[in-house]
Amino acid sequence: KVYLLHVPEVLSYTTTMVWGLGVVN
């Protein structure tokens, strides 16, 4: 089994994510 974990963080700058996802402000 693989556990995929995401921890939502506050970023100090705009960035683009992979897998065709958009920009996080």
mmCIF file of all heavy atoms, coordinates in Angstrom:
data_MODEL
# 
_entry.id   MODEL 
# 
loop_
_atom_site.group_PDB 
_atom_site.id 
_atom_site.type_symbol 
_atom_site.label_atom_id 
_atom_site.label_alt_id 
_atom_site.label_comp_id 
_atom_site.label_asym_id 
_atom_site.label_entity_id 
_atom_site.label_seq_id 
_atom_site.pdbx_PDB_ins_code 
_atom_site.Cartn_x 
_atom_site.Cartn_y 
_atom_site.Cartn_z 
_atom_site.occupancy 
_atom_site.B_iso_or_equiv 
_atom_site.pdbx_formal_charge 
_atom_site.auth_seq_id 
_atom_site.auth_comp_id 
_atom_site.auth_asym_id 
_atom_site.auth_atom_id 
_atom_site.pdbx_PDB_model_num 
ATOM 1   N N   . LYS A 1 1  ? 0.829  -1.203 0.000   1.00 0.00 ? 1  LYS A N   1 
ATOM 2   C CA  . LYS A 1 1  ? 0.000  0.000  0.000   1.00 0.00 ? 1  LYS A CA  1 
ATOM 3   C C   . LYS A 1 1  ? 0.861  1.250  0.000   1.00 0.00 ? 1  LYS A C   1 
ATOM 4   O O   . LYS A 1 1  ? 1.881  1.316  0.680   1.00 0.00 ? 1  LYS A O   1 
ATOM 5   C CB  . LYS A 1 1  ? -0.885 -0.013 1.242   1.00 0.00 ? 1  LYS A CB  1 
ATOM 6   C CG  . LYS A 1 1  ? -1.904 1.098  1.316   1.00 0.00 ? 1  LYS A CG  1 
ATOM 7   C CD  . LYS A 1 1  ? -2.689 0.991  2.615   1.00 0.00 ? 1  LYS A CD  1 
ATOM 8   C CE  . LYS A 1 1  ? -4.154 1.031  2.351   1.00 0.00 ? 1  LYS A CE  1 
ATOM 9   N NZ  . LYS A 1 1  ? -4.956 0.913  3.579   1.00 0.00 ? 1  LYS A NZ  1 
ATOM 10  N N   . VAL A 1 2  ? 0.423  2.235  -0.756  1.00 0.00 ? 2  VAL A N   1 
ATOM 11  C CA  . VAL A 1 2  ? 1.046  3.550  -0.716  1.00 0.00 ? 2  VAL A CA  1 
ATOM 12  C C   . VAL A 1 2  ? 0.032  4.523  -0.115  1.00 0.00 ? 2  VAL A C   1 
ATOM 13  O O   . VAL A 1 2  ? -1.146 4.511  -0.469  1.00 0.00 ? 2  VAL A O   1 
ATOM 14  C CB  . VAL A 1 2  ? 1.537  4.025  -2.109  1.00 0.00 ? 2  VAL A CB  1 
ATOM 15  C CG1 . VAL A 1 2  ? 0.412  4.203  -3.084  1.00 0.00 ? 2  VAL A CG1 1 
ATOM 16  C CG2 . VAL A 1 2  ? 2.350  5.292  -1.999  1.00 0.00 ? 2  VAL A CG2 1 
ATOM 17  N N   . TYR A 1 3  ? 0.503  5.292  0.855   1.00 0.00 ? 3  TYR A N   1 
ATOM 18  C CA  . TYR A 1 3  ? -0.308 6.339  1.481   1.00 0.00 ? 3  TYR A CA  1 
ATOM 19  C C   . TYR A 1 3  ? 0.131  7.669  0.879   1.00 0.00 ? 3  TYR A C   1 
ATOM 20  O O   . TYR A 1 3  ? 1.305  8.036  0.991   1.00 0.00 ? 3  TYR A O   1 
ATOM 21  C CB  . TYR A 1 3  ? -0.083 6.383  2.992   1.00 0.00 ? 3  TYR A CB  1 
ATOM 22  C CG  . TYR A 1 3  ? -0.547 5.153  3.732   1.00 0.00 ? 3  TYR A CG  1 
ATOM 23  C CD1 . TYR A 1 3  ? 0.292  4.057  3.892   1.00 0.00 ? 3  TYR A CD1 1 
ATOM 24  C CD2 . TYR A 1 3  ? -1.824 5.091  4.282   1.00 0.00 ? 3  TYR A CD2 1 
ATOM 25  C CE1 . TYR A 1 3  ? -0.132 2.927  4.575   1.00 0.00 ? 3  TYR A CE1 1 
ATOM 26  C CE2 . TYR A 1 3  ? -2.257 3.966  4.967   1.00 0.00 ? 3  TYR A CE2 1 
ATOM 27  C CZ  . TYR A 1 3  ? -1.399 2.890  5.108   1.00 0.00 ? 3  TYR A CZ  1 
ATOM 28  O OH  . TYR A 1 3  ? -1.826 1.777  5.784   1.00 0.00 ? 3  TYR A OH  1 
ATOM 29  N N   . LEU A 1 4  ? -0.779 8.364  0.252   1.00 0.00 ? 4  LEU A N   1 
ATOM 30  C CA  . LEU A 1 4  ? -0.491 9.688  -0.285  1.00 0.00 ? 4  LEU A CA  1 
ATOM 31  C C   . LEU A 1 4  ? -1.034 10.710 0.699   1.00 0.00 ? 4  LEU A C   1 
ATOM 32  O O   . LEU A 1 4  ? -2.220 10.687 1.035   1.00 0.00 ? 4  LEU A O   1 
ATOM 33  C CB  . LEU A 1 4  ? -1.151 9.867  -1.652  1.00 0.00 ? 4  LEU A CB  1 
ATOM 34  C CG  . LEU A 1 4  ? -0.715 8.884  -2.733  1.00 0.00 ? 4  LEU A CG  1 
ATOM 35  C CD1 . LEU A 1 4  ? -1.539 9.089  -3.996  1.00 0.00 ? 4  LEU A CD1 1 
ATOM 36  C CD2 . LEU A 1 4  ? 0.775  9.019  -3.022  1.00 0.00 ? 4  LEU A CD2 1 
ATOM 37  N N   . LEU A 1 5  ? -0.166 11.584 1.168   1.00 0.00 ? 5  LEU A N   1 
ATOM 38  C CA  . LEU A 1 5  ? -0.532 12.572 2.189   1.00 0.00 ? 5  LEU A CA  1 
ATOM 39  C C   . LEU A 1 5  ? -0.330 13.976 1.652   1.00 0.00 ? 5  LEU A C   1 
ATOM 40  O O   . LEU A 1 5  ? 0.723  14.294 1.098   1.00 0.00 ? 5  LEU A O   1 
ATOM 41  C CB  . LEU A 1 5  ? 0.349  12.370 3.432   1.00 0.00 ? 5  LEU A CB  1 
ATOM 42  C CG  . LEU A 1 5  ? 0.298  13.468 4.498   1.00 0.00 ? 5  LEU A CG  1 
ATOM 43  C CD1 . LEU A 1 5  ? -1.077 13.528 5.162   1.00 0.00 ? 5  LEU A CD1 1 
ATOM 44  C CD2 . LEU A 1 5  ? 1.392  13.260 5.523   1.00 0.00 ? 5  LEU A CD2 1 
ATOM 45  N N   . HIS A 1 6  ? -1.350 14.803 1.842   1.00 0.00 ? 6  HIS A N   1 
ATOM 46  C CA  . HIS A 1 6  ? -1.206 16.225 1.517   1.00 0.00 ? 6  HIS A CA  1 
ATOM 47  C C   . HIS A 1 6  ? -1.492 17.042 2.765   1.00 0.00 ? 6  HIS A C   1 
ATOM 48  O O   . HIS A 1 6  ? -2.485 16.806 3.462   1.00 0.00 ? 6  HIS A O   1 
ATOM 49  C CB  . HIS A 1 6  ? -2.160 16.655 0.399   1.00 0.00 ? 6  HIS A CB  1 
ATOM 50  C CG  . HIS A 1 6  ? -2.040 18.098 0.068   1.00 0.00 ? 6  HIS A CG  1 
ATOM 51  N ND1 . HIS A 1 6  ? -0.932 18.627 -0.566  1.00 0.00 ? 6  HIS A ND1 1 
ATOM 52  C CD2 . HIS A 1 6  ? -2.870 19.147 0.317   1.00 0.00 ? 6  HIS A CD2 1 
ATOM 53  C CE1 . HIS A 1 6  ? -1.095 19.933 -0.701  1.00 0.00 ? 6  HIS A CE1 1 
ATOM 54  N NE2 . HIS A 1 6  ? -2.259 20.268 -0.165  1.00 0.00 ? 6  HIS A NE2 1 
ATOM 55  N N   . VAL A 1 7  ? -0.603 17.992 3.046   1.00 0.00 ? 7  VAL A N   1 
ATOM 56  C CA  . VAL A 1 7  ? -0.770 18.923 4.163   1.00 0.00 ? 7  VAL A CA  1 
ATOM 57  C C   . VAL A 1 7  ? -0.940 20.315 3.555   1.00 0.00 ? 7  VAL A C   1 
ATOM 58  O O   . VAL A 1 7  ? 0.022  20.868 3.020   1.00 0.00 ? 7  VAL A O   1 
ATOM 59  C CB  . VAL A 1 7  ? 0.456  18.896 5.107   1.00 0.00 ? 7  VAL A CB  1 
ATOM 60  C CG1 . VAL A 1 7  ? 0.256  19.847 6.275   1.00 0.00 ? 7  VAL A CG1 1 
ATOM 61  C CG2 . VAL A 1 7  ? 0.753  17.479 5.591   1.00 0.00 ? 7  VAL A CG2 1 
ATOM 62  N N   . PRO A 1 8  ? -2.165 20.869 3.579   1.00 0.00 ? 8  PRO A N   1 
ATOM 63  C CA  . PRO A 1 8  ? -2.361 22.188 2.974   1.00 0.00 ? 8  PRO A CA  1 
ATOM 64  C C   . PRO A 1 8  ? -1.567 23.253 3.718   1.00 0.00 ? 8  PRO A C   1 
ATOM 65  O O   . PRO A 1 8  ? -1.655 23.351 4.939   1.00 0.00 ? 8  PRO A O   1 
ATOM 66  C CB  . PRO A 1 8  ? -3.867 22.433 3.100   1.00 0.00 ? 8  PRO A CB  1 
ATOM 67  C CG  . PRO A 1 8  ? -4.420 21.349 3.943   1.00 0.00 ? 8  PRO A CG  1 
ATOM 68  C CD  . PRO A 1 8  ? -3.367 20.324 4.166   1.00 0.00 ? 8  PRO A CD  1 
ATOM 69  N N   . GLU A 1 9  ? -0.756 23.974 2.971   1.00 0.00 ? 9  GLU A N   1 
ATOM 70  C CA  . GLU A 1 9  ? 0.114  24.995 3.566   1.00 0.00 ? 9  GLU A CA  1 
ATOM 71  C C   . GLU A 1 9  ? -0.212 26.371 3.020   1.00 0.00 ? 9  GLU A C   1 
ATOM 72  O O   . GLU A 1 9  ? -0.653 26.503 1.878   1.00 0.00 ? 9  GLU A O   1 
ATOM 73  C CB  . GLU A 1 9  ? 1.579  24.713 3.227   1.00 0.00 ? 9  GLU A CB  1 
ATOM 74  C CG  . GLU A 1 9  ? 2.194  23.543 3.920   1.00 0.00 ? 9  GLU A CG  1 
ATOM 75  C CD  . GLU A 1 9  ? 3.671  23.456 3.593   1.00 0.00 ? 9  GLU A CD  1 
ATOM 76  O OE1 . GLU A 1 9  ? 4.464  24.135 4.283   1.00 0.00 ? 9  GLU A OE1 1 
ATOM 77  O OE2 . GLU A 1 9  ? 4.020  22.753 2.654   1.00 0.00 ? 9  GLU A OE2 1 
ATOM 78  N N   . VAL A 1 10 ? 0.071  27.382 3.814   1.00 0.00 ? 10 VAL A N   1 
ATOM 79  C CA  . VAL A 1 10 ? 0.003  28.757 3.341   1.00 0.00 ? 10 VAL A CA  1 
ATOM 80  C C   . VAL A 1 10 ? 1.346  29.055 2.686   1.00 0.00 ? 10 VAL A C   1 
ATOM 81  O O   . VAL A 1 10 ? 2.398  28.896 3.301   1.00 0.00 ? 10 VAL A O   1 
ATOM 82  C CB  . VAL A 1 10 ? -0.234 29.745 4.509   1.00 0.00 ? 10 VAL A CB  1 
ATOM 83  C CG1 . VAL A 1 10 ? -0.204 31.174 4.007   1.00 0.00 ? 10 VAL A CG1 1 
ATOM 84  C CG2 . VAL A 1 10 ? -1.548 29.438 5.200   1.00 0.00 ? 10 VAL A CG2 1 
ATOM 85  N N   . LEU A 1 11 ? 1.302  29.436 1.415   1.00 0.00 ? 11 LEU A N   1 
ATOM 86  C CA  . LEU A 1 11 ? 2.517  29.789 0.698   1.00 0.00 ? 11 LEU A CA  1 
ATOM 87  C C   . LEU A 1 11 ? 2.666  31.301 0.678   1.00 0.00 ? 11 LEU A C   1 
ATOM 88  O O   . LEU A 1 11 ? 1.683  32.033 0.684   1.00 0.00 ? 11 LEU A O   1 
ATOM 89  C CB  . LEU A 1 11 ? 2.470  29.239 -0.732  1.00 0.00 ? 11 LEU A CB  1 
ATOM 90  C CG  . LEU A 1 11 ? 2.330  27.720 -0.852  1.00 0.00 ? 11 LEU A CG  1 
ATOM 91  C CD1 . LEU A 1 11 ? 2.170  27.316 -2.307  1.00 0.00 ? 11 LEU A CD1 1 
ATOM 92  C CD2 . LEU A 1 11 ? 3.508  27.016 -0.220  1.00 0.00 ? 11 LEU A CD2 1 
ATOM 93  N N   . SER A 1 12 ? 3.902  31.756 0.626   1.00 0.00 ? 12 SER A N   1 
ATOM 94  C CA  . SER A 1 12 ? 4.135  33.200 0.629   1.00 0.00 ? 12 SER A CA  1 
ATOM 95  C C   . SER A 1 12 ? 4.241  33.768 -0.784  1.00 0.00 ? 12 SER A C   1 
ATOM 96  O O   . SER A 1 12 ? 4.493  34.948 -0.961  1.00 0.00 ? 12 SER A O   1 
ATOM 97  C CB  . SER A 1 12 ? 5.413  33.511 1.416   1.00 0.00 ? 12 SER A CB  1 
ATOM 98  O OG  . SER A 1 12 ? 6.511  32.823 0.847   1.00 0.00 ? 12 SER A OG  1 
ATOM 99  N N   . TYR A 1 13 ? 4.036  32.920 -1.795  1.00 0.00 ? 13 TYR A N   1 
ATOM 100 C CA  . TYR A 1 13 ? 4.135  33.359 -3.172  1.00 0.00 ? 13 TYR A CA  1 
ATOM 101 C C   . TYR A 1 13 ? 3.232  32.475 -4.034  1.00 0.00 ? 13 TYR A C   1 
ATOM 102 O O   . TYR A 1 13 ? 2.844  31.384 -3.638  1.00 0.00 ? 13 TYR A O   1 
ATOM 103 C CB  . TYR A 1 13 ? 5.583  33.273 -3.663  1.00 0.00 ? 13 TYR A CB  1 
ATOM 104 C CG  . TYR A 1 13 ? 6.157  31.879 -3.501  1.00 0.00 ? 13 TYR A CG  1 
ATOM 105 C CD1 . TYR A 1 13 ? 6.099  30.964 -4.541  1.00 0.00 ? 13 TYR A CD1 1 
ATOM 106 C CD2 . TYR A 1 13 ? 6.720  31.468 -2.289  1.00 0.00 ? 13 TYR A CD2 1 
ATOM 107 C CE1 . TYR A 1 13 ? 6.591  29.676 -4.385  1.00 0.00 ? 13 TYR A CE1 1 
ATOM 108 C CE2 . TYR A 1 13 ? 7.215  30.189 -2.137  1.00 0.00 ? 13 TYR A CE2 1 
ATOM 109 C CZ  . TYR A 1 13 ? 7.152  29.300 -3.186  1.00 0.00 ? 13 TYR A CZ  1 
ATOM 110 O OH  . TYR A 1 13 ? 7.637  28.031 -3.033  1.00 0.00 ? 13 TYR A OH  1 
ATOM 111 N N   . THR A 1 14 ? 2.899  32.939 -5.234  1.00 0.00 ? 14 THR A N   1 
ATOM 112 C CA  . THR A 1 14 ? 2.081  32.174 -6.168  1.00 0.00 ? 14 THR A CA  1 
ATOM 113 C C   . THR A 1 14 ? 2.941  31.100 -6.811  1.00 0.00 ? 14 THR A C   1 
ATOM 114 O O   . THR A 1 14 ? 4.078  31.357 -7.198  1.00 0.00 ? 14 THR A O   1 
ATOM 115 C CB  . THR A 1 14 ? 1.496  33.107 -7.249  1.00 0.00 ? 14 THR A CB  1 
ATOM 116 O OG1 . THR A 1 14 ? 0.717  34.102 -6.600  1.00 0.00 ? 14 THR A OG1 1 
ATOM 117 C CG2 . THR A 1 14 ? 0.636  32.344 -8.233  1.00 0.00 ? 14 THR A CG2 1 
ATOM 118 N N   . THR A 1 15 ? 2.398  29.882 -6.927  1.00 0.00 ? 15 THR A N   1 
ATOM 119 C CA  . THR A 1 15 ? 3.152  28.796 -7.536  1.00 0.00 ? 15 THR A CA  1 
ATOM 120 C C   . THR A 1 15 ? 2.233  27.912 -8.369  1.00 0.00 ? 15 THR A C   1 
ATOM 121 O O   . THR A 1 15 ? 1.033  27.856 -8.131  1.00 0.00 ? 15 THR A O   1 
ATOM 122 C CB  . THR A 1 15 ? 3.870  27.957 -6.457  1.00 0.00 ? 15 THR A CB  1 
ATOM 123 O OG1 . THR A 1 15 ? 4.721  27.016 -7.094  1.00 0.00 ? 15 THR A OG1 1 
ATOM 124 C CG2 . THR A 1 15 ? 2.890  27.238 -5.568  1.00 0.00 ? 15 THR A CG2 1 
ATOM 125 N N   . THR A 1 16 ? 2.822  27.236 -9.344  1.00 0.00 ? 16 THR A N   1 
ATOM 126 C CA  . THR A 1 16 ? 2.082  26.317 -10.203 1.00 0.00 ? 16 THR A CA  1 
ATOM 127 C C   . THR A 1 16 ? 2.385  24.892 -9.774  1.00 0.00 ? 16 THR A C   1 
ATOM 128 O O   . THR A 1 16 ? 3.527  24.546 -9.501  1.00 0.00 ? 16 THR A O   1 
ATOM 129 C CB  . THR A 1 16 ? 2.500  26.512 -11.674 1.00 0.00 ? 16 THR A CB  1 
ATOM 130 O OG1 . THR A 1 16 ? 2.279  27.869 -12.039 1.00 0.00 ? 16 THR A OG1 1 
ATOM 131 C CG2 . THR A 1 16 ? 1.706  25.604 -12.594 1.00 0.00 ? 16 THR A CG2 1 
ATOM 132 N N   . MET A 1 17 ? 1.344  24.060 -9.736  1.00 0.00 ? 17 MET A N   1 
ATOM 133 C CA  . MET A 1 17 ? 1.510  22.665 -9.346  1.00 0.00 ? 17 MET A CA  1 
ATOM 134 C C   . MET A 1 17 ? 1.553  21.769 -10.584 1.00 0.00 ? 17 MET A C   1 
ATOM 135 O O   . MET A 1 17 ? 1.144  22.184 -11.663 1.00 0.00 ? 17 MET A O   1 
ATOM 136 C CB  . MET A 1 17 ? 0.377  22.240 -8.407  1.00 0.00 ? 17 MET A CB  1 
ATOM 137 C CG  . MET A 1 17 ? 0.341  23.049 -7.123  1.00 0.00 ? 17 MET A CG  1 
ATOM 138 S SD  . MET A 1 17 ? -0.691 22.370 -5.807  1.00 0.00 ? 17 MET A SD  1 
ATOM 139 C CE  . MET A 1 17 ? -2.277 22.212 -6.552  1.00 0.00 ? 17 MET A CE  1 
ATOM 140 N N   . VAL A 1 18 ? 2.021  20.528 -10.398 1.00 0.00 ? 18 VAL A N   1 
ATOM 141 C CA  . VAL A 1 18 ? 2.106  19.555 -11.486 1.00 0.00 ? 18 VAL A CA  1 
ATOM 142 C C   . VAL A 1 18 ? 0.788  18.812 -11.654 1.00 0.00 ? 18 VAL A C   1 
ATOM 143 O O   . VAL A 1 18 ? -0.177 19.097 -10.962 1.00 0.00 ? 18 VAL A O   1 
ATOM 144 C CB  . VAL A 1 18 ? 3.264  18.546 -11.249 1.00 0.00 ? 18 VAL A CB  1 
ATOM 145 C CG1 . VAL A 1 18 ? 4.594  19.252 -11.247 1.00 0.00 ? 18 VAL A CG1 1 
ATOM 146 C CG2 . VAL A 1 18 ? 3.053  17.763 -9.970  1.00 0.00 ? 18 VAL A CG2 1 
ATOM 147 N N   . TRP A 1 19 ? 0.768  17.826 -12.525 1.00 0.00 ? 19 TRP A N   1 
ATOM 148 C CA  . TRP A 1 19 ? -0.400 16.994 -12.846 1.00 0.00 ? 19 TRP A CA  1 
ATOM 149 C C   . TRP A 1 19 ? -1.514 17.824 -13.468 1.00 0.00 ? 19 TRP A C   1 
ATOM 150 O O   . TRP A 1 19 ? -2.697 17.560 -13.268 1.00 0.00 ? 19 TRP A O   1 
ATOM 151 C CB  . TRP A 1 19 ? -0.937 16.228 -11.637 1.00 0.00 ? 19 TRP A CB  1 
ATOM 152 C CG  . TRP A 1 19 ? -0.125 15.045 -11.261 1.00 0.00 ? 19 TRP A CG  1 
ATOM 153 C CD1 . TRP A 1 19 ? 0.204  14.000 -12.060 1.00 0.00 ? 19 TRP A CD1 1 
ATOM 154 C CD2 . TRP A 1 19 ? 0.463  14.768 -9.989  1.00 0.00 ? 19 TRP A CD2 1 
ATOM 155 N NE1 . TRP A 1 19 ? 0.974  13.097 -11.360 1.00 0.00 ? 19 TRP A NE1 1 
ATOM 156 C CE2 . TRP A 1 19 ? 1.139  13.543 -10.089 1.00 0.00 ? 19 TRP A CE2 1 
ATOM 157 C CE3 . TRP A 1 19 ? 0.480  15.443 -8.780  1.00 0.00 ? 19 TRP A CE3 1 
ATOM 158 C CZ2 . TRP A 1 19 ? 1.829  12.982 -9.038  1.00 0.00 ? 19 TRP A CZ2 1 
ATOM 159 C CZ3 . TRP A 1 19 ? 1.163  14.882 -7.734  1.00 0.00 ? 19 TRP A CZ3 1 
ATOM 160 C CH2 . TRP A 1 19 ? 1.831  13.665 -7.864  1.00 0.00 ? 19 TRP A CH2 1 
ATOM 161 N N   . GLY A 1 20 ? -1.140 18.889 -14.187 1.00 0.00 ? 20 GLY A N   1 
ATOM 162 C CA  . GLY A 1 20 ? -2.138 19.686 -14.875 1.00 0.00 ? 20 GLY A CA  1 
ATOM 163 C C   . GLY A 1 20 ? -2.972 20.568 -13.966 1.00 0.00 ? 20 GLY A C   1 
ATOM 164 O O   . GLY A 1 20 ? -3.996 21.094 -14.378 1.00 0.00 ? 20 GLY A O   1 
ATOM 165 N N   . LEU A 1 21 ? -2.540 20.725 -12.726 1.00 0.00 ? 21 LEU A N   1 
ATOM 166 C CA  . LEU A 1 21 ? -3.278 21.572 -11.788 1.00 0.00 ? 21 LEU A CA  1 
ATOM 167 C C   . LEU A 1 21 ? -2.836 23.012 -11.956 1.00 0.00 ? 21 LEU A C   1 
ATOM 168 O O   . LEU A 1 21 ? -1.731 23.301 -12.375 1.00 0.00 ? 21 LEU A O   1 
ATOM 169 C CB  . LEU A 1 21 ? -3.044 21.101 -10.352 1.00 0.00 ? 21 LEU A CB  1 
ATOM 170 C CG  . LEU A 1 21 ? -3.517 19.675 -10.062 1.00 0.00 ? 21 LEU A CG  1 
ATOM 171 C CD1 . LEU A 1 21 ? -3.147 19.270 -8.658  1.00 0.00 ? 21 LEU A CD1 1 
ATOM 172 C CD2 . LEU A 1 21 ? -5.013 19.555 -10.271 1.00 0.00 ? 21 LEU A CD2 1 
ATOM 173 N N   . GLY A 1 22 ? -3.696 23.908 -11.571 1.00 0.00 ? 22 GLY A N   1 
ATOM 174 C CA  . GLY A 1 22 ? -3.441 25.332 -11.766 1.00 0.00 ? 22 GLY A CA  1 
ATOM 175 C C   . GLY A 1 22 ? -2.535 25.939 -10.726 1.00 0.00 ? 22 GLY A C   1 
ATOM 176 O O   . GLY A 1 22 ? -1.757 25.269 -10.059 1.00 0.00 ? 22 GLY A O   1 
ATOM 177 N N   . VAL A 1 23 ? -2.693 27.212 -10.586 1.00 0.00 ? 23 VAL A N   1 
ATOM 178 C CA  . VAL A 1 23 ? -1.861 28.023 -9.709  1.00 0.00 ? 23 VAL A CA  1 
ATOM 179 C C   . VAL A 1 23 ? -2.484 28.107 -8.319  1.00 0.00 ? 23 VAL A C   1 
ATOM 180 O O   . VAL A 1 23 ? -3.695 28.189 -8.181  1.00 0.00 ? 23 VAL A O   1 
ATOM 181 C CB  . VAL A 1 23 ? -1.708 29.441 -10.310 1.00 0.00 ? 23 VAL A CB  1 
ATOM 182 C CG1 . VAL A 1 23 ? -0.974 30.365 -9.371  1.00 0.00 ? 23 VAL A CG1 1 
ATOM 183 C CG2 . VAL A 1 23 ? -1.000 29.368 -11.651 1.00 0.00 ? 23 VAL A CG2 1 
ATOM 184 N N   . VAL A 1 24 ? -1.657 28.060 -7.294  1.00 0.00 ? 24 VAL A N   1 
ATOM 185 C CA  . VAL A 1 24 ? -2.106 28.275 -5.919  1.00 0.00 ? 24 VAL A CA  1 
ATOM 186 C C   . VAL A 1 24 ? -1.634 29.662 -5.503  1.00 0.00 ? 24 VAL A C   1 
ATOM 187 O O   . VAL A 1 24 ? -0.442 29.965 -5.561  1.00 0.00 ? 24 VAL A O   1 
ATOM 188 C CB  . VAL A 1 24 ? -1.522 27.208 -4.968  1.00 0.00 ? 24 VAL A CB  1 
ATOM 189 C CG1 . VAL A 1 24 ? -1.905 27.518 -3.530  1.00 0.00 ? 24 VAL A CG1 1 
ATOM 190 C CG2 . VAL A 1 24 ? -2.003 25.821 -5.356  1.00 0.00 ? 24 VAL A CG2 1 
ATOM 191 N N   . ASN A 1 25 ? -2.574 30.500 -5.103  1.00 0.00 ? 25 ASN A N   1 
ATOM 192 C CA  . ASN A 1 25 ? -2.250 31.864 -4.688  1.00 0.00 ? 25 ASN A CA  1 
ATOM 193 C C   . ASN A 1 25 ? -2.031 31.924 -3.185  1.00 0.00 ? 25 ASN A C   1 
ATOM 194 O O   . ASN A 1 25 ? -2.697 31.215 -2.429  1.00 0.00 ? 25 ASN A O   1 
ATOM 195 C CB  . ASN A 1 25 ? -3.386 32.820 -5.067  1.00 0.00 ? 25 ASN A CB  1 
ATOM 196 C CG  . ASN A 1 25 ? -3.506 32.969 -6.560  1.00 0.00 ? 25 ASN A CG  1 
ATOM 197 O OD1 . ASN A 1 25 ? -2.521 33.210 -7.234  1.00 0.00 ? 25 ASN A OD1 1 
ATOM 198 N ND2 . ASN A 1 25 ? -4.710 32.804 -7.069  1.00 0.00 ? 25 ASN A ND2 1 
# 
